[in-house]
Amino acid sequence: MKQIMKSYKNQSGFTLLESILTLFILTIGILGVAGLQMQGMRSANLAMQRMAVTVKTGDLLDRMRANAANIVDYAAAAGANNGCNSGTNCTAAEMAAHDLLMWRTDLTNSLPGAPILTVNVVDPVVTITVTWTDRGDDYTYTVTTQI
């Protein structure tokens, strides 16, 4: 019994230096996890922006296919709110202007800053370019297709 009690007496707890070192290592680990979380959030935000650009550009291309006989009107139109929601009481040029206005409005609301949106038509080839800036980085999405 004396021998067992003696071994407990010789044991001692952590020193202050060991505790501080453990706290330092734990702090570095927590900061690393926080950094990974921030990077993940930035990547998710950029992915959401790219998805919005892709979907909305595909929507414009579908609208252009529906109005394919007058495809050159999309390059000339600046975009105007002329009430052509259904397309029944509109000319092809008015429909093109309305489609471009809706597309530009959707993208301007979905992307940070002031995106640059261009539509070039060399019948029957259409090139759409969207450029935007997020947190100091420039991004560009370009699609070229034949209508």
Protein backbone atom coordinates (compact mmCIF):
# COMPACT_ATOMS: atom_id res chain seq x y z
CA MET A 1 0.00 0.00 0.00
CA LYS A 2 2.83 2.37 0.75
CA GLN A 3 4.31 1.78 -2.67
CA ILE A 4 1.04 2.64 -4.48
CA MET A 5 0.59 5.86 -2.52
CA LYS A 6 4.17 6.83 -3.24
CA SER A 7 3.68 6.56 -7.01
CA TYR A 8 0.68 8.90 -6.85
CA LYS A 9 2.72 11.41 -4.91
CA ASN A 10 5.39 11.53 -7.61
CA GLN A 11 2.89 12.38 -10.36
CA SER A 12 2.29 16.03 -11.14
CA GLY A 13 -0.16 17.94 -13.36
CA PHE A 14 0.42 19.96 -16.51
CA THR A 15 2.74 22.89 -16.21
CA LEU A 16 1.72 26.35 -17.28
CA LEU A 17 3.99 26.12 -20.35
CA GLU A 18 2.31 22.92 -21.56
CA SER A 19 -1.14 24.49 -21.11
CA ILE A 20 -0.19 27.60 -23.10
CA LEU A 21 1.31 25.48 -25.88
CA THR A 22 -1.85 23.38 -26.08
CA LEU A 23 -4.01 26.51 -26.22
CA PHE A 24 -1.80 27.95 -28.99
CA ILE A 25 -2.08 24.80 -31.12
CA LEU A 26 -5.85 24.68 -30.59
CA THR A 27 -6.16 28.35 -31.62
CA ILE A 28 -4.18 27.76 -34.84
CA GLY A 29 -6.49 24.84 -35.68
CA ILE A 30 -9.65 26.87 -35.09
CA LEU A 31 -8.33 29.74 -37.26
CA GLY A 32 -7.56 27.25 -40.04
CA VAL A 33 -11.10 25.87 -39.94
CA ALA A 34 -12.53 29.42 -39.98
CA GLY A 35 -10.39 30.25 -43.04
CA LEU A 36 -11.66 27.16 -44.84
CA GLN A 37 -15.23 28.14 -44.02
CA MET A 38 -14.72 31.63 -45.48
CA GLN A 39 -13.16 30.24 -48.66
CA GLY A 40 -16.05 27.82 -49.02
CA MET A 41 -18.56 30.65 -48.72
CA ARG A 42 -16.73 32.72 -51.36
CA SER A 43 -16.65 29.74 -53.73
CA ALA A 44 -20.35 29.08 -53.21
CA ASN A 45 -21.16 32.74 -53.93
CA LEU A 46 -19.14 32.69 -57.16
CA ALA A 47 -20.78 29.42 -58.21
CA MET A 48 -24.19 30.99 -57.64
CA GLN A 49 -23.23 33.98 -59.81
CA ARG A 50 -21.95 31.74 -62.61
CA MET A 51 -25.09 29.63 -62.48
CA ALA A 52 -27.27 32.75 -62.72
CA VAL A 53 -25.31 33.97 -65.74
CA THR A 54 -25.53 30.58 -67.46
CA VAL A 55 -29.26 30.14 -66.86
CA LYS A 56 -30.23 33.69 -67.80
CA THR A 57 -28.07 33.63 -70.93
CA GLY A 58 -29.68 30.33 -71.94
CA ASP A 59 -33.07 31.99 -71.43
CA LEU A 60 -32.10 34.85 -73.77
CA LEU A 61 -30.91 32.36 -76.39
CA ASP A 62 -34.26 30.55 -76.17
CA ARG A 63 -36.06 33.86 -76.65
CA MET A 64 -33.86 34.55 -79.67
CA ARG A 65 -34.68 31.13 -81.13
CA ALA A 66 -38.39 31.90 -80.73
CA ASN A 67 -37.85 35.12 -82.70
CA ALA A 68 -35.24 33.64 -85.07
CA ALA A 69 -36.58 35.28 -88.23
CA ASN A 70 -35.56 38.64 -86.79
CA ILE A 71 -32.36 37.66 -85.00
CA VAL A 72 -30.45 40.77 -86.12
CA ASP A 73 -32.86 42.92 -84.09
CA TYR A 74 -31.20 41.61 -80.91
CA ALA A 75 -27.87 43.15 -81.84
CA ALA A 76 -29.42 46.50 -82.72
CA ALA A 77 -31.84 46.75 -79.79
CA ALA A 78 -30.82 48.64 -76.68
CA GLY A 79 -33.63 47.25 -74.57
CA ALA A 80 -36.90 48.99 -73.88
CA ASN A 81 -39.95 48.48 -71.72
CA ASN A 82 -42.64 48.51 -74.36
CA GLY A 83 -45.13 46.10 -72.77
CA CYS A 84 -44.38 43.13 -74.99
CA ASN A 85 -44.96 40.48 -72.34
CA SER A 86 -46.92 38.08 -74.47
CA GLY A 87 -45.53 39.11 -77.83
CA THR A 88 -48.98 39.24 -79.42
CA ASN A 89 -49.17 42.99 -80.04
CA CYS A 90 -45.49 43.59 -80.77
CA THR A 91 -43.29 43.80 -83.79
CA ALA A 92 -40.23 41.56 -83.91
CA ALA A 93 -37.96 44.52 -83.15
CA GLU A 94 -40.09 45.50 -80.13
CA MET A 95 -40.01 41.92 -78.86
CA ALA A 96 -36.21 41.85 -79.21
CA ALA A 97 -35.91 45.11 -77.28
CA HIS A 98 -38.20 43.81 -74.55
CA ASP A 99 -36.30 40.48 -74.30
CA LEU A 100 -33.00 42.32 -73.95
CA LEU A 101 -34.42 44.63 -71.30
CA MET A 102 -35.69 41.68 -69.24
CA TRP A 103 -32.35 39.86 -69.61
CA ARG A 104 -30.30 42.89 -68.63
CA THR A 105 -32.54 43.65 -65.66
CA ASP A 106 -32.34 40.06 -64.38
CA LEU A 107 -28.55 39.94 -64.67
CA THR A 108 -28.03 43.38 -63.17
CA ASN A 109 -30.09 42.28 -60.16
CA SER A 110 -28.23 38.95 -59.88
CA LEU A 111 -24.63 40.14 -60.21
CA PRO A 112 -22.60 42.52 -58.05
CA GLY A 113 -21.62 45.91 -59.38
CA ALA A 114 -22.53 46.92 -62.91
CA PRO A 115 -22.07 43.97 -65.27
CA ILE A 116 -21.15 44.58 -68.90
CA LEU A 117 -23.58 42.73 -71.17
CA THR A 118 -23.04 42.46 -74.92
CA VAL A 119 -24.90 40.65 -77.69
CA ASN A 120 -23.28 40.30 -81.11
CA VAL A 121 -25.18 38.78 -84.02
CA VAL A 122 -23.65 37.75 -87.32
CA ASP A 123 -26.64 35.93 -88.73
CA PRO A 124 -27.03 33.05 -87.79
CA VAL A 125 -24.19 33.10 -85.20
CA VAL A 126 -24.84 34.77 -81.85
CA THR A 127 -22.16 35.62 -79.29
CA ILE A 128 -23.20 36.74 -75.83
CA THR A 129 -20.63 38.03 -73.35
CA VAL A 130 -21.22 38.86 -69.69
CA THR A 131 -18.43 40.48 -67.65
CA TRP A 132 -18.72 41.28 -63.96
CA THR A 133 -16.47 42.15 -61.02
CA ASP A 134 -16.72 40.59 -57.58
CA ARG A 135 -14.32 41.50 -54.76
CA GLY A 136 -11.77 42.94 -57.15
CA ASP A 137 -11.70 39.95 -59.50
CA ASP A 138 -13.07 40.14 -63.05
CA TYR A 139 -15.10 37.25 -64.47
CA THR A 140 -16.24 36.73 -68.04
CA TYR A 141 -18.76 34.30 -69.48
CA THR A 142 -19.01 34.00 -73.26
CA VAL A 143 -21.26 31.74 -75.27
CA THR A 144 -21.35 31.44 -79.03
CA THR A 145 -24.07 29.49 -80.79
CA GLN A 146 -25.82 29.21 -84.10
CA ILE A 147 -29.52 30.03 -84.15
